[in-house]
Amino acid sequence: RACMGKGFQDFFSSIDADIFAIQESKMQEGQLKLELPDYKQYWNFA
């Protein structure tokens, strides 16, 4: 959520990855709706 305010979405779009993984998301289900067209999303929450 903090990274979203620091350019995450722009980087995600520009890098054009086949698979993009993140660690230390620091969130629970429903706290952020990430709009990533053409990507399947899989989350594992603490």
All heavy atoms as atom14 arrays in JSON, in Angstrom:
{
  "sequence": "RACMGKGFQDFFSSIDADIFAIQESKMQEGQLKLELPDYKQYWNFA",
  "atom14_mask": [
    [1, 1, 1, 1, 1, 1, 1, 1, 1, 1, 1, 0, 0, 0],
    [1, 1, 1, 1, 1, 0, 0, 0, 0, 0, 0, 0, 0, 0],
    [1, 1, 1, 1, 1, 1, 0, 0, 0, 0, 0, 0, 0, 0],
    [1, 1, 1, 1, 1, 1, 1, 1, 0, 0, 0, 0, 0, 0],
    [1, 1, 1, 1, 0, 0, 0, 0, 0, 0, 0, 0, 0, 0],
    [1, 1, 1, 1, 1, 1, 1, 1, 1, 0, 0, 0, 0, 0],
    [1, 1, 1, 1, 0, 0, 0, 0, 0, 0, 0, 0, 0, 0],
    [1, 1, 1, 1, 1, 1, 1, 1, 1, 1, 1, 0, 0, 0],
    [1, 1, 1, 1, 1, 1, 1, 1, 1, 0, 0, 0, 0, 0],
    [1, 1, 1, 1, 1, 1, 1, 1, 0, 0, 0, 0, 0, 0],
    [1, 1, 1, 1, 1, 1, 1, 1, 1, 1, 1, 0, 0, 0],
    [1, 1, 1, 1, 1, 1, 1, 1, 1, 1, 1, 0, 0, 0],
    [1, 1, 1, 1, 1, 1, 0, 0, 0, 0, 0, 0, 0, 0],
    [1, 1, 1, 1, 1, 1, 0, 0, 0, 0, 0, 0, 0, 0],
    [1, 1, 1, 1, 1, 1, 1, 1, 0, 0, 0, 0, 0, 0],
    [1, 1, 1, 1, 1, 1, 1, 1, 0, 0, 0, 0, 0, 0],
    [1, 1, 1, 1, 1, 0, 0, 0, 0, 0, 0, 0, 0, 0],
    [1, 1, 1, 1, 1, 1, 1, 1, 0, 0, 0, 0, 0, 0],
    [1, 1, 1, 1, 1, 1, 1, 1, 0, 0, 0, 0, 0, 0],
    [1, 1, 1, 1, 1, 1, 1, 1, 1, 1, 1, 0, 0, 0],
    [1, 1, 1, 1, 1, 0, 0, 0, 0, 0, 0, 0, 0, 0],
    [1, 1, 1, 1, 1, 1, 1, 1, 0, 0, 0, 0, 0, 0],
    [1, 1, 1, 1, 1, 1, 1, 1, 1, 0, 0, 0, 0, 0],
    [1, 1, 1, 1, 1, 1, 1, 1, 1, 0, 0, 0, 0, 0],
    [1, 1, 1, 1, 1, 1, 0, 0, 0, 0, 0, 0, 0, 0],
    [1, 1, 1, 1, 1, 1, 1, 1, 1, 0, 0, 0, 0, 0],
    [1, 1, 1, 1, 1, 1, 1, 1, 0, 0, 0, 0, 0, 0],
    [1, 1, 1, 1, 1, 1, 1, 1, 1, 0, 0, 0, 0, 0],
    [1, 1, 1, 1, 1, 1, 1, 1, 1, 0, 0, 0, 0, 0],
    [1, 1, 1, 1, 0, 0, 0, 0, 0, 0, 0, 0, 0, 0],
    [1, 1, 1, 1, 1, 1, 1, 1, 1, 0, 0, 0, 0, 0],
    [1, 1, 1, 1, 1, 1, 1, 1, 0, 0, 0, 0, 0, 0],
    [1, 1, 1, 1, 1, 1, 1, 1, 1, 0, 0, 0, 0, 0],
    [1, 1, 1, 1, 1, 1, 1, 1, 0, 0, 0, 0, 0, 0],
    [1, 1, 1, 1, 1, 1, 1, 1, 1, 0, 0, 0, 0, 0],
    [1, 1, 1, 1, 1, 1, 1, 1, 0, 0, 0, 0, 0, 0],
    [1, 1, 1, 1, 1, 1, 1, 0, 0, 0, 0, 0, 0, 0],
    [1, 1, 1, 1, 1, 1, 1, 1, 0, 0, 0, 0, 0, 0],
    [1, 1, 1, 1, 1, 1, 1, 1, 1, 1, 1, 1, 0, 0],
    [1, 1, 1, 1, 1, 1, 1, 1, 1, 0, 0, 0, 0, 0],
    [1, 1, 1, 1, 1, 1, 1, 1, 1, 0, 0, 0, 0, 0],
    [1, 1, 1, 1, 1, 1, 1, 1, 1, 1, 1, 1, 0, 0],
    [1, 1, 1, 1, 1, 1, 1, 1, 1, 1, 1, 1, 1, 1],
    [1, 1, 1, 1, 1, 1, 1, 1, 0, 0, 0, 0, 0, 0],
    [1, 1, 1, 1, 1, 1, 1, 1, 1, 1, 1, 0, 0, 0],
    [1, 1, 1, 1, 1, 0, 0, 0, 0, 0, 0, 0, 0, 0]
  ],
  "atom14_positions": [
    [[0.83, -1.21, 0.0], [0.0, 0.0, 0.0], [0.86, 1.25, 0.0], [0.58, 2.22, -0.72], [-0.97, -0.02, 1.19], [-2.07, -1.07, 1.05], [-2.85, -1.23, 2.35], [-2.04, -1.81, 3.4], [-2.38, -1.88, 4.67], [-3.54, -1.38, 5.07], [-1.58, -2.45, 5.56], [0.0, 0.0, 0.0], [0.0, 0.0, 0.0], [0.0, 0.0, 0.0]],
    [[1.94, 1.24, 0.77], [2.88, 2.37, 0.75], [3.58, 2.47, -0.6], [3.76, 3.56, -1.15], [3.9, 2.22, 1.87], [0.0, 0.0, 0.0], [0.0, 0.0, 0.0], [0.0, 0.0, 0.0], [0.0, 0.0, 0.0], [0.0, 0.0, 0.0], [0.0, 0.0, 0.0], [0.0, 0.0, 0.0], [0.0, 0.0, 0.0], [0.0, 0.0, 0.0]],
    [[3.96, 1.32, -1.14], [4.68, 1.31, -2.42], [3.81, 1.82, -3.56], [4.31, 2.42, -4.52], [5.18, -0.1, -2.71], [6.47, -0.19, -3.97], [0.0, 0.0, 0.0], [0.0, 0.0, 0.0], [0.0, 0.0, 0.0], [0.0, 0.0, 0.0], [0.0, 0.0, 0.0], [0.0, 0.0, 0.0], [0.0, 0.0, 0.0], [0.0, 0.0, 0.0]],
    [[2.5, 1.6, -3.45], [1.59, 2.12, -4.48], [1.68, 3.64, -4.59], [1.51, 4.2, -5.67], [0.15, 1.71, -4.16], [-0.16, 0.26, -4.45], [-0.18, -0.11, -6.21], [-1.73, 0.68, -6.69], [0.0, 0.0, 0.0], [0.0, 0.0, 0.0], [0.0, 0.0, 0.0], [0.0, 0.0, 0.0], [0.0, 0.0, 0.0], [0.0, 0.0, 0.0]],
    [[1.98, 4.29, -3.48], [2.13, 5.74, -3.48], [3.51, 6.21, -3.9], [3.77, 7.42, -3.95], [0.0, 0.0, 0.0], [0.0, 0.0, 0.0], [0.0, 0.0, 0.0], [0.0, 0.0, 0.0], [0.0, 0.0, 0.0], [0.0, 0.0, 0.0], [0.0, 0.0, 0.0], [0.0, 0.0, 0.0], [0.0, 0.0, 0.0], [0.0, 0.0, 0.0]],
    [[4.38, 5.24, -4.22], [5.76, 5.57, -4.6], [6.11, 5.04, -5.99], [7.27, 4.8, -6.29], [6.73, 4.99, -3.57], [6.51, 5.51, -2.15], [7.44, 4.8, -1.17], [7.21, 5.23, 0.27], [8.06, 4.49, 1.22], [0.0, 0.0, 0.0], [0.0, 0.0, 0.0], [0.0, 0.0, 0.0], [0.0, 0.0, 0.0], [0.0, 0.0, 0.0]],
    [[5.06, 4.83, -6.83], [5.32, 4.5, -8.22], [5.22, 3.04, -8.6], [5.62, 2.66, -9.71], [0.0, 0.0, 0.0], [0.0, 0.0, 0.0], [0.0, 0.0, 0.0], [0.0, 0.0, 0.0], [0.0, 0.0, 0.0], [0.0, 0.0, 0.0], [0.0, 0.0, 0.0], [0.0, 0.0, 0.0], [0.0, 0.0, 0.0], [0.0, 0.0, 0.0]],
    [[4.67, 2.2, -7.7], [4.6, 0.77, -8.03], [3.87, 0.51, -9.33], [4.33, -0.25, -10.19], [3.92, -0.01, -6.89], [3.73, -1.47, -7.2], [4.74, -2.37, -6.96], [2.55, -1.94, -7.78], [4.59, -3.73, -7.26], [2.39, -3.28, -8.1], [3.41, -4.18, -7.84], [0.0, 0.0, 0.0], [0.0, 0.0, 0.0], [0.0, 0.0, 0.0]],
    [[2.71, 1.12, -9.49], [1.88, 0.84, -10.67], [2.6, 1.22, -11.96], [2.54, 0.5, -12.96], [0.54, 1.58, -10.57], [-0.53, 1.06, -11.52], [-1.38, -0.06, -10.94], [-1.76, -0.03, -9.78], [-1.66, -1.06, -11.74], [0.0, 0.0, 0.0], [0.0, 0.0, 0.0], [0.0, 0.0, 0.0], [0.0, 0.0, 0.0], [0.0, 0.0, 0.0]],
    [[3.29, 2.37, -11.94], [4.02, 2.8, -13.14], [5.14, 1.82, -13.47], [5.34, 1.46, -14.64], [4.61, 4.2, -12.93], [3.56, 5.29, -12.91], [2.44, 5.03, -13.41], [3.84, 6.38, -12.38], [0.0, 0.0, 0.0], [0.0, 0.0, 0.0], [0.0, 0.0, 0.0], [0.0, 0.0, 0.0], [0.0, 0.0, 0.0], [0.0, 0.0, 0.0]],
    [[5.87, 1.38, -12.45], [6.93, 0.41, -12.7], [6.36, -0.9, -13.22], [6.87, -1.5, -14.17], [7.75, 0.16, -11.44], [8.73, -0.98, -11.58], [9.8, -0.89, -12.45], [8.56, -2.15, -10.86], [10.69, -1.93, -12.6], [9.45, -3.21, -11.0], [10.52, -3.1, -11.88], [0.0, 0.0, 0.0], [0.0, 0.0, 0.0], [0.0, 0.0, 0.0]],
    [[5.29, -1.36, -12.58], [4.67, -2.63, -13.01], [4.31, -2.57, -14.49], [4.59, -3.5, -15.25], [3.43, -2.93, -12.17], [2.82, -4.26, -12.48], [3.18, -5.39, -11.76], [1.89, -4.41, -13.5], [2.63, -6.63, -12.05], [1.34, -5.64, -13.8], [1.71, -6.76, -13.07], [0.0, 0.0, 0.0], [0.0, 0.0, 0.0], [0.0, 0.0, 0.0]],
    [[3.68, -1.49, -14.89], [3.25, -1.36, -16.28], [4.43, -1.27, -17.23], [4.42, -1.89, -18.3], [2.37, -0.12, -16.44], [1.21, -0.22, -15.64], [0.0, 0.0, 0.0], [0.0, 0.0, 0.0], [0.0, 0.0, 0.0], [0.0, 0.0, 0.0], [0.0, 0.0, 0.0], [0.0, 0.0, 0.0], [0.0, 0.0, 0.0], [0.0, 0.0, 0.0]],
    [[5.47, -0.55, -16.84], [6.59, -0.32, -17.75], [7.48, -1.54, -17.91], [8.06, -1.75, -18.98], [7.43, 0.86, -17.27], [8.07, 0.56, -16.04], [0.0, 0.0, 0.0], [0.0, 0.0, 0.0], [0.0, 0.0, 0.0], [0.0, 0.0, 0.0], [0.0, 0.0, 0.0], [0.0, 0.0, 0.0], [0.0, 0.0, 0.0], [0.0, 0.0, 0.0]],
    [[7.58, -2.38, -16.87], [8.52, -3.51, -16.93], [7.97, -4.66, -17.76], [8.72, -5.46, -18.3], [8.91, -3.98, -15.51], [10.22, -4.78, -15.54], [7.8, -4.8, -14.86], [11.44, -4.02, -15.9], [0.0, 0.0, 0.0], [0.0, 0.0, 0.0], [0.0, 0.0, 0.0], [0.0, 0.0, 0.0], [0.0, 0.0, 0.0], [0.0, 0.0, 0.0]],
    [[6.64, -4.76, -17.88], [6.02, -5.72, -18.8], [6.49, -7.16, -18.55], [6.94, -7.87, -19.45], [6.31, -5.3, -20.24], [5.41, -6.01, -21.25], [4.26, -6.32, -20.9], [5.87, -6.26, -22.39], [0.0, 0.0, 0.0], [0.0, 0.0, 0.0], [0.0, 0.0, 0.0], [0.0, 0.0, 0.0], [0.0, 0.0, 0.0], [0.0, 0.0, 0.0]],
    [[6.4, -7.58, -17.29], [6.88, -8.92, -16.92], [5.86, -9.99, -17.26], [4.65, -9.75, -17.29], [7.17, -8.95, -15.42], [0.0, 0.0, 0.0], [0.0, 0.0, 0.0], [0.0, 0.0, 0.0], [0.0, 0.0, 0.0], [0.0, 0.0, 0.0], [0.0, 0.0, 0.0], [0.0, 0.0, 0.0], [0.0, 0.0, 0.0], [0.0, 0.0, 0.0]],
    [[6.35, -11.21, -17.49], [5.47, -12.36, -17.63], [4.95, -12.81, -16.27], [3.78, -13.17, -16.14], [6.21, -13.5, -18.33], [6.58, -13.14, -19.76], [5.67, -13.11, -20.61], [7.76, -12.87, -20.02], [0.0, 0.0, 0.0], [0.0, 0.0, 0.0], [0.0, 0.0, 0.0], [0.0, 0.0, 0.0], [0.0, 0.0, 0.0], [0.0, 0.0, 0.0]],
    [[5.83, -12.78, -15.28], [5.44, -13.06, -13.89], [6.11, -12.02, -13.01], [7.3, -11.72, -13.18], [5.85, -14.48, -13.44], [5.28, -15.55, -14.36], [5.41, -14.72, -12.0], [5.69, -16.97, -13.97], [0.0, 0.0, 0.0], [0.0, 0.0, 0.0], [0.0, 0.0, 0.0], [0.0, 0.0, 0.0], [0.0, 0.0, 0.0], [0.0, 0.0, 0.0]],
    [[5.35, -11.49, -12.07], [5.84, -10.46, -11.16], [5.47, -10.9, -9.74], [4.3, -11.08, -9.44], [5.17, -9.12, -11.49], [5.78, -7.9, -10.86], [6.27, -6.88, -11.65], [5.81, -7.74, -9.47], [6.82, -5.72, -11.09], [6.36, -6.59, -8.9], [6.87, -5.58, -9.72], [0.0, 0.0, 0.0], [0.0, 0.0, 0.0], [0.0, 0.0, 0.0]],
    [[6.48, -11.08, -8.9], [6.25, -11.54, -7.52], [6.65, -10.45, -6.54], [7.6, -9.69, -6.78], [7.08, -12.79, -7.25], [0.0, 0.0, 0.0], [0.0, 0.0, 0.0], [0.0, 0.0, 0.0], [0.0, 0.0, 0.0], [0.0, 0.0, 0.0], [0.0, 0.0, 0.0], [0.0, 0.0, 0.0], [0.0, 0.0, 0.0], [0.0, 0.0, 0.0]],
    [[5.91, -10.35, -5.44], [6.28, -9.42, -4.39], [6.36, -10.15, -3.06], [5.74, -11.19, -2.84], [5.28, -8.23, -4.27], [3.89, -8.71, -3.83], [5.21, -7.44, -5.56], [2.94, -7.57, -3.45], [0.0, 0.0, 0.0], [0.0, 0.0, 0.0], [0.0, 0.0, 0.0], [0.0, 0.0, 0.0], [0.0, 0.0, 0.0], [0.0, 0.0, 0.0]],
    [[7.16, -9.56, -2.17], [7.26, -10.04, -0.79], [7.01, -8.86, 0.15], [7.15, -7.71, -0.22], [8.65, -10.64, -0.5], [9.05, -11.77, -1.43], [9.68, -11.28, -2.71], [10.49, -10.36, -2.69], [9.32, -11.89, -3.84], [0.0, 0.0, 0.0], [0.0, 0.0, 0.0], [0.0, 0.0, 0.0], [0.0, 0.0, 0.0], [0.0, 0.0, 0.0]],
    [[6.67, -9.21, 1.38], [6.4, -8.25, 2.44], [5.28, -7.29, 2.01], [5.41, -6.07, 2.07], [7.66, -7.49, 2.85], [7.6, -7.06, 4.3], [8.92, -6.52, 4.86], [9.94, -6.51, 4.15], [8.89, -6.12, 6.04], [0.0, 0.0, 0.0], [0.0, 0.0, 0.0], [0.0, 0.0, 0.0], [0.0, 0.0, 0.0], [0.0, 0.0, 0.0]],
    [[4.15, -7.88, 1.63], [3.0, -7.07, 1.21], [2.39, -6.3, 2.37], [1.81, -5.23, 2.17], [1.94, -7.97, 0.57], [1.52, -8.98, 1.47], [0.0, 0.0, 0.0], [0.0, 0.0, 0.0], [0.0, 0.0, 0.0], [0.0, 0.0, 0.0], [0.0, 0.0, 0.0], [0.0, 0.0, 0.0], [0.0, 0.0, 0.0], [0.0, 0.0, 0.0]],
    [[2.48, -6.84, 3.57], [2.02, -6.16, 4.8], [0.54, -5.75, 4.71], [0.21, -4.62, 5.07], [2.88, -4.93, 5.1], [4.31, -5.23, 5.51], [5.03, -3.95, 5.91], [6.42, -4.21, 6.42], [7.11, -2.95, 6.79], [0.0, 0.0, 0.0], [0.0, 0.0, 0.0], [0.0, 0.0, 0.0], [0.0, 0.0, 0.0], [0.0, 0.0, 0.0]],
    [[-0.3, -6.64, 4.25], [-1.73, -6.31, 4.18], [-2.57, -7.55, 4.35], [-2.07, -8.68, 4.29], [-2.06, -5.63, 2.85], [-1.76, -6.46, 1.61], [-2.46, -5.74, 0.1], [-4.09, -6.49, 0.1], [0.0, 0.0, 0.0], [0.0, 0.0, 0.0], [0.0, 0.0, 0.0], [0.0, 0.0, 0.0], [0.0, 0.0, 0.0], [0.0, 0.0, 0.0]],
    [[-3.85, -7.33, 4.58], [-4.81, -8.41, 4.68], [-5.72, -8.35, 3.46], [-5.8, -7.34, 2.75], [-5.66, -8.27, 5.95], [-4.87, -8.09, 7.24], [-3.86, -9.19, 7.47], [-2.67, -8.93, 7.54], [-4.34, -10.42, 7.59], [0.0, 0.0, 0.0], [0.0, 0.0, 0.0], [0.0, 0.0, 0.0], [0.0, 0.0, 0.0], [0.0, 0.0, 0.0]],
    [[-6.43, -9.44, 3.26], [-7.35, -9.5, 2.13], [-8.38, -8.38, 2.22], [-8.94, -8.11, 3.28], [-8.06, -10.86, 2.11], [-8.89, -11.09, 0.87], [-9.37, -12.51, 0.76], [-9.18, -13.3, 1.72], [-9.93, -12.86, -0.3], [0.0, 0.0, 0.0], [0.0, 0.0, 0.0], [0.0, 0.0, 0.0], [0.0, 0.0, 0.0], [0.0, 0.0, 0.0]],
    [[-8.59, -7.7, 1.1], [-9.59, -6.64, 1.03], [-9.07, -5.25, 1.34], [-9.79, -4.27, 1.18], [0.0, 0.0, 0.0], [0.0, 0.0, 0.0], [0.0, 0.0, 0.0], [0.0, 0.0, 0.0], [0.0, 0.0, 0.0], [0.0, 0.0, 0.0], [0.0, 0.0, 0.0], [0.0, 0.0, 0.0], [0.0, 0.0, 0.0], [0.0, 0.0, 0.0]],
    [[-7.8, -5.14, 1.76], [-7.27, -3.82, 2.11], [-6.79, -3.03, 0.89], [-6.56, -1.83, 0.99], [-6.11, -3.96, 3.11], [-6.57, -4.37, 4.5], [-5.44, -4.34, 5.5], [-4.38, -4.91, 5.29], [-5.67, -3.66, 6.62], [0.0, 0.0, 0.0], [0.0, 0.0, 0.0], [0.0, 0.0, 0.0], [0.0, 0.0, 0.0], [0.0, 0.0, 0.0]],
    [[-6.63, -3.71, -0.23], [-6.18, -3.04, -1.45], [-6.71, -3.81, -2.65], [-6.6, -5.04, -2.7], [-4.64, -3.01, -1.52], [-4.04, -2.44, -2.8], [-4.27, -0.94, -2.9], [-2.54, -2.75, -2.86], [0.0, 0.0, 0.0], [0.0, 0.0, 0.0], [0.0, 0.0, 0.0], [0.0, 0.0, 0.0], [0.0, 0.0, 0.0], [0.0, 0.0, 0.0]],
    [[-7.28, -3.09, -3.6], [-7.69, -3.71, -4.85], [-6.71, -3.26, -5.92], [-6.69, -2.1, -6.32], [-9.12, -3.31, -5.23], [-9.63, -4.06, -6.47], [-11.09, -3.76, -6.75], [-11.56, -4.58, -7.95], [-12.99, -4.29, -8.27], [0.0, 0.0, 0.0], [0.0, 0.0, 0.0], [0.0, 0.0, 0.0], [0.0, 0.0, 0.0], [0.0, 0.0, 0.0]],
    [[-5.87, -4.18, -6.34], [-4.83, -3.88, -7.31], [-5.37, -4.17, -8.72], [-5.75, -5.3, -9.03], [-3.61, -4.75, -7.02], [-2.23, -4.26, -7.43], [-1.97, -2.86, -6.91], [-1.17, -5.23, -6.93], [0.0, 0.0, 0.0], [0.0, 0.0, 0.0], [0.0, 0.0, 0.0], [0.0, 0.0, 0.0], [0.0, 0.0, 0.0], [0.0, 0.0, 0.0]],
    [[-5.42, -3.14, -9.54], [-5.91, -3.28, -10.92], [-4.74, -3.63, -11.83], [-3.92, -2.78, -12.16], [-6.59, -1.98, -11.37], [-7.8, -1.58, -10.55], [-9.0, -2.5, -10.76], [-8.97, -3.32, -11.71], [-9.96, -2.41, -9.97], [0.0, 0.0, 0.0], [0.0, 0.0, 0.0], [0.0, 0.0, 0.0], [0.0, 0.0, 0.0], [0.0, 0.0, 0.0]],
    [[-4.67, -4.89, -12.21], [-3.59, -5.37, -13.08], [-4.2, -6.14, -14.24], [-4.26, -7.38, -14.23], [-2.61, -6.26, -12.3], [-1.98, -5.66, -11.04], [-1.16, -6.7, -10.3], [-1.14, -4.44, -11.38], [0.0, 0.0, 0.0], [0.0, 0.0, 0.0], [0.0, 0.0, 0.0], [0.0, 0.0, 0.0], [0.0, 0.0, 0.0], [0.0, 0.0, 0.0]],
    [[-4.68, -5.44, -15.25], [-5.32, -6.12, -16.38], [-4.39, -7.15, -17.01], [-3.17, -6.94, -17.09], [-5.6, -4.96, -17.35], [-5.63, -3.74, -16.51], [-4.66, -3.98, -15.4], [0.0, 0.0, 0.0], [0.0, 0.0, 0.0], [0.0, 0.0, 0.0], [0.0, 0.0, 0.0], [0.0, 0.0, 0.0], [0.0, 0.0, 0.0], [0.0, 0.0, 0.0]],
    [[-4.96, -8.27, -17.42], [-4.25, -9.35, -18.1], [-3.4, -10.21, -17.16], [-2.69, -11.1, -17.62], [-3.35, -8.82, -19.23], [-4.12, -7.99, -20.25], [-5.27, -8.37, -20.57], [-3.59, -6.95, -20.71], [0.0, 0.0, 0.0], [0.0, 0.0, 0.0], [0.0, 0.0, 0.0], [0.0, 0.0, 0.0], [0.0, 0.0, 0.0], [0.0, 0.0, 0.0]],
    [[-3.48, -9.97, -15.85], [-2.72, -10.78, -14.9], [-3.66, -11.47, -13.91], [-4.61, -10.87, -13.42], [-1.73, -9.92, -14.09], [-0.53, -9.45, -14.89], [-0.62, -8.3, -15.67], [0.67, -10.15, -14.86], [0.48, -7.85, -16.4], [1.76, -9.71, -15.59], [1.66, -8.56, -16.36], [2.75, -8.12, -17.09], [0.0, 0.0, 0.0], [0.0, 0.0, 0.0]],
    [[-3.35, -12.73, -13.65], [-3.98, -13.45, -12.55], [-3.24, -13.09, -11.27], [-2.01, -12.98, -11.27], [-3.92, -14.96, -12.78], [-4.47, -15.43, -14.12], [-5.96, -15.31, -14.16], [-6.5, -15.9, -15.47], [-7.96, -15.73, -15.59], [0.0, 0.0, 0.0], [0.0, 0.0, 0.0], [0.0, 0.0, 0.0], [0.0, 0.0, 0.0], [0.0, 0.0, 0.0]],
    [[-3.97, -12.92, -10.17], [-3.35, -12.53, -8.91], [-3.5, -13.65, -7.87], [-4.59, -14.2, -7.7], [-4.0, -11.26, -8.36], [-3.92, -10.06, -9.28], [-4.43, -8.79, -8.61], [-4.38, -8.65, -7.38], [-4.93, -7.86, -9.41], [0.0, 0.0, 0.0], [0.0, 0.0, 0.0], [0.0, 0.0, 0.0], [0.0, 0.0, 0.0], [0.0, 0.0, 0.0]],
    [[-2.42, -13.94, -7.17], [-2.43, -14.94, -6.11], [-1.73, -14.35, -4.88], [-0.57, -13.93, -4.96], [-1.73, -16.22, -6.57], [-2.38, -16.79, -7.81], [-1.87, -16.48, -9.07], [-3.53, -17.57, -7.73], [-2.49, -16.96, -10.23], [-4.15, -18.05, -8.89], [-3.63, -17.75, -10.11], [-4.24, -18.2, -11.26], [0.0, 0.0, 0.0], [0.0, 0.0, 0.0]],
    [[-2.45, -14.29, -3.77], [-1.97, -13.65, -2.55], [-1.91, -14.67, -1.41], [-2.8, -15.51, -1.28], [-2.91, -12.52, -2.14], [-2.99, -11.37, -3.1], [-3.73, -11.3, -4.25], [-2.32, -10.11, -3.0], [-3.56, -10.08, -4.87], [-2.7, -9.33, -4.12], [-1.44, -9.56, -2.06], [-2.22, -8.03, -4.32], [-0.96, -8.27, -2.26], [-1.35, -7.52, -3.39]],
    [[-0.88, -14.54, -0.59], [-0.79, -15.32, 0.64], [-0.59, -14.33, 1.78], [0.47, -13.68, 1.89], [0.37, -16.31, 0.58], [0.31, -17.35, 1.68], [-0.62, -17.36, 2.49], [1.3, -18.23, 1.72], [0.0, 0.0, 0.0], [0.0, 0.0, 0.0], [0.0, 0.0, 0.0], [0.0, 0.0, 0.0], [0.0, 0.0, 0.0], [0.0, 0.0, 0.0]],
    [[-1.62, -14.16, 2.61], [-1.6, -13.17, 3.68], [-1.18, -13.81, 5.0], [-1.53, -14.95, 5.29], [-3.0, -12.55, 3.86], [-3.57, -11.94, 2.61], [-4.57, -12.6, 1.9], [-3.11, -10.73, 2.13], [-5.11, -12.05, 0.75], [-3.64, -10.16, 0.98], [-4.64, -10.82, 0.29], [0.0, 0.0, 0.0], [0.0, 0.0, 0.0], [0.0, 0.0, 0.0]],
    [[-0.44, -13.04, 5.8], [-0.12, -13.49, 7.14], [-1.35, -13.35, 8.03], [-2.2, -12.48, 7.82], [1.02, -12.66, 7.71], [0.0, 0.0, 0.0], [0.0, 0.0, 0.0], [0.0, 0.0, 0.0], [0.0, 0.0, 0.0], [0.0, 0.0, 0.0], [0.0, 0.0, 0.0], [0.0, 0.0, 0.0], [0.0, 0.0, 0.0], [0.0, 0.0, 0.0]]
  ]
}
